[in-house]
Amino acid sequence: MEKAAGEFSREEAEIFNAYLMILQDPDLEASISEKIVQSLSNLRIGRTDMYSETIIIQNKTGLHARPAATFVQTASKFKSNITIETETKKGNAKSMLSLLSIGAAKGTSVKISAEGEDEEQAVKALIALIQTKFGED
């Protein structure tokens, strides 16, 4: 059976009535408003900052297949979205193809950025990996 325009289902009416009760109780409204604001700030909506560090690729062969695989494996351990970029290219640090397409040779400056709950740990782990020259040298 179709509802007429402006007609509420029983569930919709209950929700509407509960909402009206909240609006009529200033203490309850303030408490709920505070929880909503806190939840939204935890989501970091509109956040433009992310954790980033820049480093020079130091191993002899740069980010070729084996070091790139190690880099991707390390990046994939983290929940954050992670990118790596040079002056001209940017890629997903969790994607082998994306990482190889950047073509970061020895001496290339790369910026590693992450956004998410473990962003700083992710960037620091990848920086440490580059600093150890992927165990190659």
Protein backbone atom coordinates (compact mmCIF):
# COMPACT_ATOMS: atom_id res chain seq x y z
CA MET A 1 0.00 0.00 0.00
CA GLU A 2 1.37 3.40 -1.01
CA LYS A 3 1.67 6.27 1.44
CA ALA A 4 0.06 9.57 0.66
CA ALA A 5 2.37 12.55 0.35
CA GLY A 6 3.38 13.77 3.81
CA GLU A 7 2.34 10.53 5.52
CA PHE A 8 4.86 8.88 7.85
CA SER A 9 5.37 5.20 8.48
CA ARG A 10 5.12 4.13 12.12
CA GLU A 11 8.93 3.89 12.37
CA GLU A 12 9.40 7.34 10.80
CA ALA A 13 6.86 8.82 13.21
CA GLU A 14 8.65 7.27 16.21
CA ILE A 15 11.98 8.68 15.05
CA PHE A 16 10.41 12.08 14.45
CA ASN A 17 8.81 12.09 17.91
CA ALA A 18 12.09 11.07 19.57
CA TYR A 19 13.84 13.90 17.72
CA LEU A 20 11.21 16.40 18.91
CA MET A 21 11.73 15.22 22.51
CA ILE A 22 15.47 15.81 22.16
CA LEU A 23 14.91 19.31 20.83
CA GLN A 24 12.64 20.12 23.77
CA ASP A 25 15.24 19.03 26.37
CA PRO A 26 18.15 21.55 26.33
CA ASP A 27 20.45 19.34 28.40
CA LEU A 28 19.88 16.31 26.22
CA GLU A 29 20.24 18.37 23.05
CA ALA A 30 23.56 19.84 24.28
CA SER A 31 24.87 16.41 25.25
CA ILE A 32 23.97 14.87 21.89
CA SER A 33 25.31 17.89 19.99
CA GLU A 34 28.62 17.58 21.84
CA LYS A 35 28.85 13.87 20.97
CA ILE A 36 28.12 14.59 17.31
CA VAL A 37 30.80 17.28 17.15
CA GLN A 38 33.30 14.97 18.84
CA SER A 39 32.50 12.14 16.43
CA LEU A 40 32.90 14.42 13.43
CA SER A 41 36.22 15.74 14.70
CA ASN A 42 37.42 12.16 15.20
CA LEU A 43 36.66 11.54 11.54
CA ARG A 44 38.81 14.57 10.71
CA ILE A 45 36.35 15.75 8.09
CA GLY A 46 37.84 18.46 5.92
CA ARG A 47 41.32 17.70 7.20
CA THR A 48 43.96 18.94 4.79
CA ASP A 49 47.07 17.94 6.68
CA MET A 50 48.71 14.56 6.61
CA TYR A 51 52.01 13.28 7.92
CA SER A 52 54.85 13.54 5.38
CA GLU A 53 58.61 13.22 5.23
CA THR A 54 61.05 13.67 2.37
CA ILE A 55 64.14 11.53 1.80
CA ILE A 56 66.71 10.80 -0.92
CA ILE A 57 66.74 7.26 -2.35
CA GLN A 58 70.13 5.97 -1.24
CA ASN A 59 70.54 2.40 -2.51
CA LYS A 60 72.53 1.78 -5.73
CA THR A 61 69.65 0.55 -7.84
CA GLY A 62 66.85 2.81 -6.60
CA LEU A 63 63.31 1.48 -6.32
CA HIS A 64 63.65 -1.42 -8.75
CA ALA A 65 61.73 -4.68 -8.35
CA ARG A 66 63.10 -6.15 -5.09
CA PRO A 67 63.26 -2.90 -3.06
CA ALA A 68 59.88 -1.86 -4.47
CA ALA A 69 58.38 -5.18 -3.38
CA THR A 70 59.79 -4.71 0.13
CA PHE A 71 58.48 -1.12 0.16
CA VAL A 72 54.98 -2.23 -0.90
CA GLN A 73 54.94 -5.07 1.66
CA THR A 74 55.92 -2.64 4.42
CA ALA A 75 53.38 -0.01 3.32
CA SER A 76 50.62 -2.64 3.15
CA LYS A 77 51.01 -3.42 6.85
CA PHE A 78 49.45 -0.05 7.69
CA LYS A 79 45.82 1.06 7.54
CA SER A 80 46.61 4.60 6.34
CA ASN A 81 46.49 5.71 2.72
CA ILE A 82 50.12 6.18 1.72
CA THR A 83 51.56 7.96 -1.31
CA ILE A 84 55.07 8.43 -2.60
CA GLU A 85 55.98 11.23 -4.96
CA THR A 86 58.90 12.69 -6.85
CA GLU A 87 59.01 16.13 -8.42
CA THR A 88 57.04 14.86 -11.41
CA LYS A 89 55.15 11.70 -10.41
CA LYS A 90 52.97 10.49 -7.57
CA GLY A 91 51.82 6.98 -6.78
CA ASN A 92 50.15 4.65 -4.32
CA ALA A 93 52.83 3.24 -2.00
CA LYS A 94 50.83 0.00 -1.66
CA SER A 95 50.88 -0.70 -5.40
CA MET A 96 53.91 -2.33 -7.03
CA LEU A 97 52.97 -1.07 -10.49
CA SER A 98 52.41 2.46 -9.20
CA LEU A 99 55.71 2.43 -7.32
CA LEU A 100 57.73 1.14 -10.29
CA SER A 101 56.13 3.71 -12.60
CA ILE A 102 57.58 6.50 -10.46
CA GLY A 103 61.08 5.41 -11.56
CA ALA A 104 62.89 6.58 -8.42
CA ALA A 105 66.60 6.02 -9.05
CA LYS A 106 69.45 6.53 -6.61
CA GLY A 107 69.61 10.21 -5.65
CA THR A 108 65.92 10.86 -6.32
CA SER A 109 64.13 12.91 -3.66
CA VAL A 110 60.83 11.32 -2.66
CA LYS A 111 58.09 12.57 -0.40
CA ILE A 112 56.22 9.89 1.51
CA SER A 113 52.82 10.98 2.84
CA ALA A 114 50.20 9.10 4.80
CA GLU A 115 46.74 9.88 6.06
CA GLY A 116 44.98 7.71 8.60
CA GLU A 117 45.10 6.36 12.09
CA ASP A 118 48.69 5.08 11.84
CA GLU A 119 50.05 7.69 9.41
CA GLU A 120 53.15 8.72 11.36
CA GLN A 121 54.21 5.15 12.06
CA ALA A 122 53.72 4.24 8.39
CA VAL A 123 55.87 7.09 7.08
CA LYS A 124 58.58 6.50 9.68
CA ALA A 125 58.73 2.77 8.81
CA LEU A 126 59.12 3.54 5.10
CA ILE A 127 61.74 6.23 5.77
CA ALA A 128 63.69 3.74 7.91
CA LEU A 129 63.51 1.20 5.08
CA ILE A 130 65.03 3.70 2.65
CA GLN A 131 67.68 4.72 5.20
CA THR A 132 68.81 1.09 5.49
CA LYS A 133 69.13 0.99 1.69
CA PHE A 134 66.71 -1.95 1.65
CA GLY A 135 69.57 -4.10 2.98
CA GLU A 136 71.32 -3.97 -0.39
CA ASP A 137 74.48 -2.02 0.36
